[in-house]
């Protein structure tokens, strides 16, 4: 229960499934709501996208200052200059070995910060941002990275999530996608929540004054950490269970409905 007159001071927004739907730009209503909120609070993006993939959304929303959290918290971007402020990497060797064993036939990739992705096999068209380079797996294994991705062709998101329970990579954090047969790994201890907490601390904003909105597995920790977590209407049940509030779907401008309440 928020105290009377409460208003969020820091607002953390997921991108895909929250701010935008599929490959469409944010709706006019969402853009207006985000810009109105940004006049009276700090608004930032917390996304699984890379620094290459987030730029267009920042432009569309009119966010031109502060911090942007990318790659599920592993890469932090200066929103104004689009320069990388911090990167957390890990040795991918154990992760790749575990992914190969758990998801036979998966297409694997690792983020090349500021450039794109290095991958073992081509991914579906339009799914990866930046320059995508097919390289031998031994090259991927040798290069530290902030984020590893695995796409399991011909499988459903439910099959992938079920199999992911068997994956054991102690030095990494695992999240799954509810729309694609997709798994993401970032360094242990890294999440949207950890990066958001760092930003809040830098700004001197208490977690009780943070609002976070999202719809995916990679948003769950962030929704639990924030003083007010908002799950989108199309989010899986487990994501909704971690939130303080469930709004309408992204198609129905659920994010705007929430922000318009205060701004």
Protein backbone atom coordinates (compact mmCIF):
# COMPACT_ATOMS: atom_id res chain seq x y z
CA UNK A 1 0.00 0.00 0.00
CA UNK A 2 1.49 3.30 -1.10
CA UNK A 3 1.09 6.27 1.26
CA UNK A 4 -1.40 8.99 0.24
CA UNK A 5 0.09 11.30 -2.35
CA UNK A 6 2.90 8.88 -3.24
CA UNK A 7 4.50 9.34 -6.63
CA UNK A 8 7.40 7.36 -8.08
CA UNK A 9 10.70 9.21 -8.29
CA UNK A 10 12.46 6.63 -10.48
CA UNK A 11 10.68 4.63 -13.19
CA UNK A 12 12.33 1.59 -14.79
CA UNK A 13 10.76 0.30 -18.00
CA UNK A 14 11.27 -2.93 -19.87
CA UNK A 15 11.11 -2.58 -23.66
CA UNK A 16 9.72 -5.62 -25.48
CA UNK A 17 6.23 -6.46 -24.30
CA UNK A 18 6.04 -3.39 -22.06
CA UNK A 19 6.96 -0.25 -23.97
CA UNK A 20 6.56 -1.72 -27.45
CA UNK A 21 4.73 -4.64 -29.03
CA UNK A 22 6.84 -6.88 -31.29
CA UNK A 23 8.59 -4.72 -33.91
CA UNK A 24 6.17 -1.79 -33.77
CA UNK A 25 7.23 1.55 -32.29
CA UNK A 26 5.64 2.61 -28.98
CA UNK A 27 2.10 3.90 -29.35
CA UNK A 28 1.42 7.63 -29.26
CA UNK A 29 -0.27 7.19 -25.90
CA UNK A 30 2.72 5.41 -24.39
CA UNK A 31 5.12 8.02 -25.77
CA UNK A 32 3.01 10.82 -24.29
CA UNK A 33 2.78 9.08 -20.92
CA UNK A 34 6.52 8.40 -20.74
CA UNK A 35 7.40 11.96 -21.68
CA UNK A 36 4.96 13.37 -19.12
CA UNK A 37 6.47 11.15 -16.44
CA UNK A 38 10.00 12.21 -17.42
CA UNK A 39 9.12 15.83 -16.64
CA UNK A 40 8.59 14.99 -12.95
CA UNK A 41 10.58 11.80 -12.33
CA UNK A 42 13.63 9.95 -13.62
CA UNK A 43 12.61 7.53 -16.37
CA UNK A 44 15.02 4.87 -17.56
CA UNK A 45 15.02 1.76 -19.71
CA UNK A 46 15.97 -1.64 -18.24
CA UNK A 47 16.08 -4.15 -21.07
CA UNK A 48 17.55 -7.43 -22.23
CA UNK A 49 18.42 -5.71 -25.50
CA UNK A 50 21.99 -4.79 -26.33
CA UNK A 51 23.23 -1.21 -26.62
CA UNK A 52 22.81 -1.56 -30.38
CA UNK A 53 19.20 -2.68 -30.06
CA UNK A 54 17.98 -0.07 -27.59
CA UNK A 55 18.83 3.17 -29.40
CA UNK A 56 15.71 3.47 -31.54
CA UNK A 57 13.42 3.04 -28.53
CA UNK A 58 15.26 5.73 -26.58
CA UNK A 59 14.80 8.09 -29.53
CA UNK A 60 11.12 7.26 -29.93
CA UNK A 61 10.42 7.82 -26.24
CA UNK A 62 12.45 11.02 -26.13
CA UNK A 63 14.79 9.77 -23.39
CA UNK A 64 18.02 11.71 -23.73
CA UNK A 65 19.64 11.76 -20.28
CA UNK A 66 20.47 9.51 -17.36
CA UNK A 67 21.28 5.81 -17.51
CA UNK A 68 20.04 2.92 -19.65
CA UNK A 69 20.42 -0.67 -18.43
CA UNK A 70 21.01 -3.20 -21.23
CA UNK A 71 21.71 -6.92 -21.53
CA UNK A 72 19.72 -7.81 -18.41
CA UNK A 73 21.90 -5.58 -16.27
CA UNK A 74 25.31 -6.62 -17.61
CA UNK A 75 25.87 -3.48 -19.69
CA UNK A 76 25.14 0.08 -18.54
CA UNK A 77 24.80 2.89 -21.05
CA UNK A 78 24.99 6.68 -20.74
CA UNK A 79 21.69 7.63 -22.32
CA UNK A 80 22.80 11.06 -23.52
CA UNK A 81 26.01 10.04 -25.27
CA UNK A 82 25.08 6.38 -25.92
CA UNK A 83 28.52 5.46 -24.61
CA UNK A 84 29.06 2.36 -22.47
CA UNK A 85 29.61 3.20 -18.80
CA UNK A 86 30.13 -0.29 -17.38
CA UNK A 87 30.27 -3.91 -18.52
CA UNK A 88 30.16 -7.08 -16.43
CA UNK A 89 31.58 -10.09 -18.28
CA UNK A 90 32.20 -13.75 -17.51
CA UNK A 91 34.09 -16.70 -18.96
CA UNK A 92 31.58 -18.42 -21.26
CA UNK A 93 33.26 -21.84 -21.49
CA UNK A 94 31.21 -23.62 -18.82
CA UNK A 95 28.03 -21.98 -20.00
CA UNK A 96 28.48 -23.05 -23.61
CA UNK A 97 29.26 -26.61 -22.54
CA UNK A 98 26.14 -26.75 -20.37
CA UNK A 99 23.96 -25.26 -23.10
CA UNK A 100 25.22 -27.79 -25.65
CA UNK A 101 24.38 -30.64 -23.30
CA UNK A 102 20.97 -29.33 -22.24
CA UNK A 103 19.80 -27.93 -25.59
CA UNK A 104 21.24 -30.15 -28.35
CA UNK A 105 21.14 -28.40 -31.70
CA UNK A 106 20.73 -24.93 -30.18
CA UNK A 107 22.16 -21.92 -31.94
CA UNK A 108 24.48 -20.11 -29.53
CA UNK A 109 25.70 -16.54 -29.42
CA UNK A 110 27.61 -14.07 -27.31
CA UNK A 111 27.31 -10.31 -27.20
CA UNK A 112 30.01 -8.23 -28.84
CA UNK A 113 29.43 -4.99 -26.95
CA UNK A 114 28.75 -2.02 -29.17
CA UNK A 115 28.96 -4.12 -32.32
CA UNK A 116 26.38 -6.93 -32.31
CA UNK A 117 26.60 -10.67 -31.79
CA UNK A 118 29.01 -13.51 -32.47
CA UNK A 119 27.05 -16.70 -33.19
CA UNK A 120 27.68 -20.35 -33.97
CA UNK A 121 24.90 -20.54 -36.57
CA UNK A 122 22.58 -17.97 -38.15
CA UNK A 123 19.60 -16.83 -36.05
CA UNK A 124 16.17 -16.03 -37.52
CA UNK A 125 16.11 -12.83 -39.58
CA UNK A 126 15.46 -9.64 -37.66
CA UNK A 127 15.93 -11.13 -34.21
CA UNK A 128 19.45 -9.81 -33.46
CA UNK A 129 20.61 -6.19 -33.61
CA UNK A 130 23.88 -4.94 -35.02
CA UNK A 131 26.52 -6.89 -36.88
CA UNK A 132 25.99 -10.66 -36.60
CA UNK A 133 29.13 -12.70 -37.27
CA UNK A 134 29.20 -16.49 -37.55
CA UNK A 135 32.40 -17.76 -35.91
CA UNK A 136 33.74 -21.14 -34.79
CA UNK A 137 32.49 -22.15 -31.36
CA UNK A 138 36.04 -22.32 -30.03
CA UNK A 139 36.33 -18.60 -30.72
CA UNK A 140 33.18 -17.90 -28.71
CA UNK A 141 34.44 -19.98 -25.83
CA UNK A 142 37.68 -17.99 -25.70
CA UNK A 143 36.08 -14.53 -25.47
CA UNK A 144 34.62 -13.12 -22.22
CA UNK A 145 31.15 -11.70 -22.76
CA UNK A 146 28.41 -9.94 -20.79
CA UNK A 147 25.62 -12.07 -22.25
CA UNK A 148 25.13 -15.47 -23.86
CA UNK A 149 22.03 -16.40 -25.84
CA UNK A 150 20.71 -19.75 -27.01
CA UNK A 151 17.96 -20.27 -29.58
CA UNK A 152 16.49 -23.79 -29.83
CA UNK A 153 15.04 -24.20 -33.35
CA UNK A 154 11.83 -26.16 -33.69
CA UNK A 155 11.03 -26.03 -29.97
CA UNK A 156 8.39 -24.10 -28.07
CA UNK A 157 9.04 -21.61 -25.27
CA UNK A 158 7.38 -24.04 -22.84
CA UNK A 159 9.69 -26.90 -23.89
CA UNK A 160 12.69 -24.64 -23.56
CA UNK A 161 11.68 -23.40 -20.11
CA UNK A 162 11.08 -26.94 -18.92
CA UNK A 163 14.48 -28.10 -20.14
CA UNK A 164 16.18 -24.99 -18.72
CA UNK A 165 15.43 -26.26 -15.21
CA UNK A 166 18.16 -28.86 -15.83
CA UNK A 167 20.76 -26.24 -16.73
CA UNK A 168 23.40 -25.71 -14.07
CA UNK A 169 25.89 -22.88 -14.59
CA UNK A 170 26.97 -21.62 -11.13
CA UNK A 171 28.73 -18.51 -12.45
CA UNK A 172 25.71 -17.29 -14.45
CA UNK A 173 22.13 -16.05 -14.05
CA UNK A 174 19.56 -17.73 -16.31
CA UNK A 175 16.34 -16.32 -17.74
CA UNK A 176 13.97 -17.75 -20.36
CA UNK A 177 11.71 -16.12 -22.91
CA UNK A 178 7.95 -16.73 -22.93
CA UNK A 179 7.52 -15.93 -26.63
CA UNK A 180 10.58 -17.60 -28.19
CA UNK A 181 12.54 -20.80 -27.57
CA UNK A 182 15.27 -18.69 -26.08
CA UNK A 183 17.59 -18.71 -23.06
CA UNK A 184 19.82 -15.90 -21.81
CA UNK A 185 22.78 -16.09 -19.43
CA UNK A 186 24.57 -13.18 -17.76
CA UNK A 187 27.21 -13.15 -15.01
CA UNK A 188 26.19 -14.42 -11.58
CA UNK A 189 24.72 -11.70 -9.39
CA UNK A 190 23.77 -9.56 -12.39
CA UNK A 191 20.16 -8.71 -13.22
CA UNK A 192 17.97 -5.78 -14.11
CA UNK A 193 17.32 -5.51 -10.37
CA UNK A 194 21.00 -5.25 -9.44
CA UNK A 195 21.67 -2.60 -12.07
CA UNK A 196 18.52 -0.68 -11.12
CA UNK A 197 19.53 -0.74 -7.46
CA UNK A 198 22.91 0.76 -8.41
CA UNK A 199 21.24 3.57 -10.34
CA UNK A 200 18.82 4.30 -7.50
CA UNK A 201 21.72 4.43 -5.03
CA UNK A 202 23.65 6.85 -7.28
CA UNK A 203 20.60 9.11 -7.43
CA UNK A 204 19.86 8.84 -3.71
CA UNK A 205 16.41 7.37 -4.38
CA UNK A 206 15.03 4.76 -2.00
CA UNK A 207 13.70 1.54 -3.48
CA UNK A 208 10.29 2.41 -2.00
CA UNK A 209 10.15 5.28 -4.50
CA UNK A 210 10.98 3.15 -7.54
CA UNK A 211 8.38 1.90 -10.00
CA UNK A 212 9.31 -0.91 -12.39
CA UNK A 213 7.24 -2.36 -15.23
CA UNK A 214 7.85 -5.51 -17.24
CA UNK A 215 6.42 -8.72 -18.65
CA UNK A 216 9.15 -11.36 -18.74
CA UNK A 217 11.23 -13.76 -16.71
CA UNK A 218 14.12 -11.31 -16.84
CA UNK A 219 11.88 -8.68 -15.19
CA UNK A 220 10.89 -10.73 -12.16
CA UNK A 221 13.75 -9.71 -9.88
CA UNK A 222 13.27 -6.07 -10.85
CA UNK A 223 9.55 -6.20 -10.10
CA UNK A 224 10.24 -7.75 -6.70
CA UNK A 225 12.95 -5.22 -5.87
CA UNK A 226 11.06 -2.05 -6.81
CA UNK A 227 8.77 -0.36 -4.35
CA UNK A 228 5.97 -0.80 -6.87
CA UNK A 229 6.29 -3.53 -9.48
CA UNK A 230 3.88 -3.59 -12.42
CA UNK A 231 3.35 -6.67 -14.60
CA UNK A 232 1.83 -6.33 -18.04
CA UNK A 233 -1.48 -8.03 -18.71
CA UNK A 234 -0.03 -10.61 -21.11
CA UNK A 235 2.78 -11.61 -18.73
CA UNK A 236 3.02 -15.24 -17.56
CA UNK A 237 1.40 -16.06 -14.23
CA UNK A 238 4.72 -16.29 -12.38
CA UNK A 239 5.66 -12.75 -13.47
CA UNK A 240 2.30 -11.41 -12.35
CA UNK A 241 2.76 -13.12 -8.99
CA UNK A 242 5.97 -11.13 -8.42
CA UNK A 243 4.30 -7.77 -9.08
CA UNK A 244 2.33 -5.42 -6.86
CA UNK A 245 -0.04 -4.62 -9.71
CA UNK A 246 -1.13 -6.11 -13.04
CA UNK A 247 -2.07 -3.63 -15.72
CA UNK A 248 -3.58 -4.08 -19.20
CA UNK A 249 -1.63 -5.73 -22.01
CA UNK A 250 0.96 -3.93 -24.09
CA UNK A 251 -1.49 -3.90 -27.00
CA UNK A 252 -3.97 -2.05 -24.78
CA UNK A 253 -1.38 0.49 -23.60
CA UNK A 254 -1.12 -0.96 -20.12
CA UNK A 255 2.04 1.04 -19.40
CA UNK A 256 0.31 4.32 -20.25
CA UNK A 257 -2.59 3.44 -17.97
CA UNK A 258 -0.20 3.11 -15.05
CA UNK A 259 1.85 6.24 -15.72
CA UNK A 260 -1.21 8.41 -16.36
CA UNK A 261 -2.32 7.72 -12.79
CA UNK A 262 0.53 9.85 -11.44
CA UNK A 263 1.60 12.01 -14.37
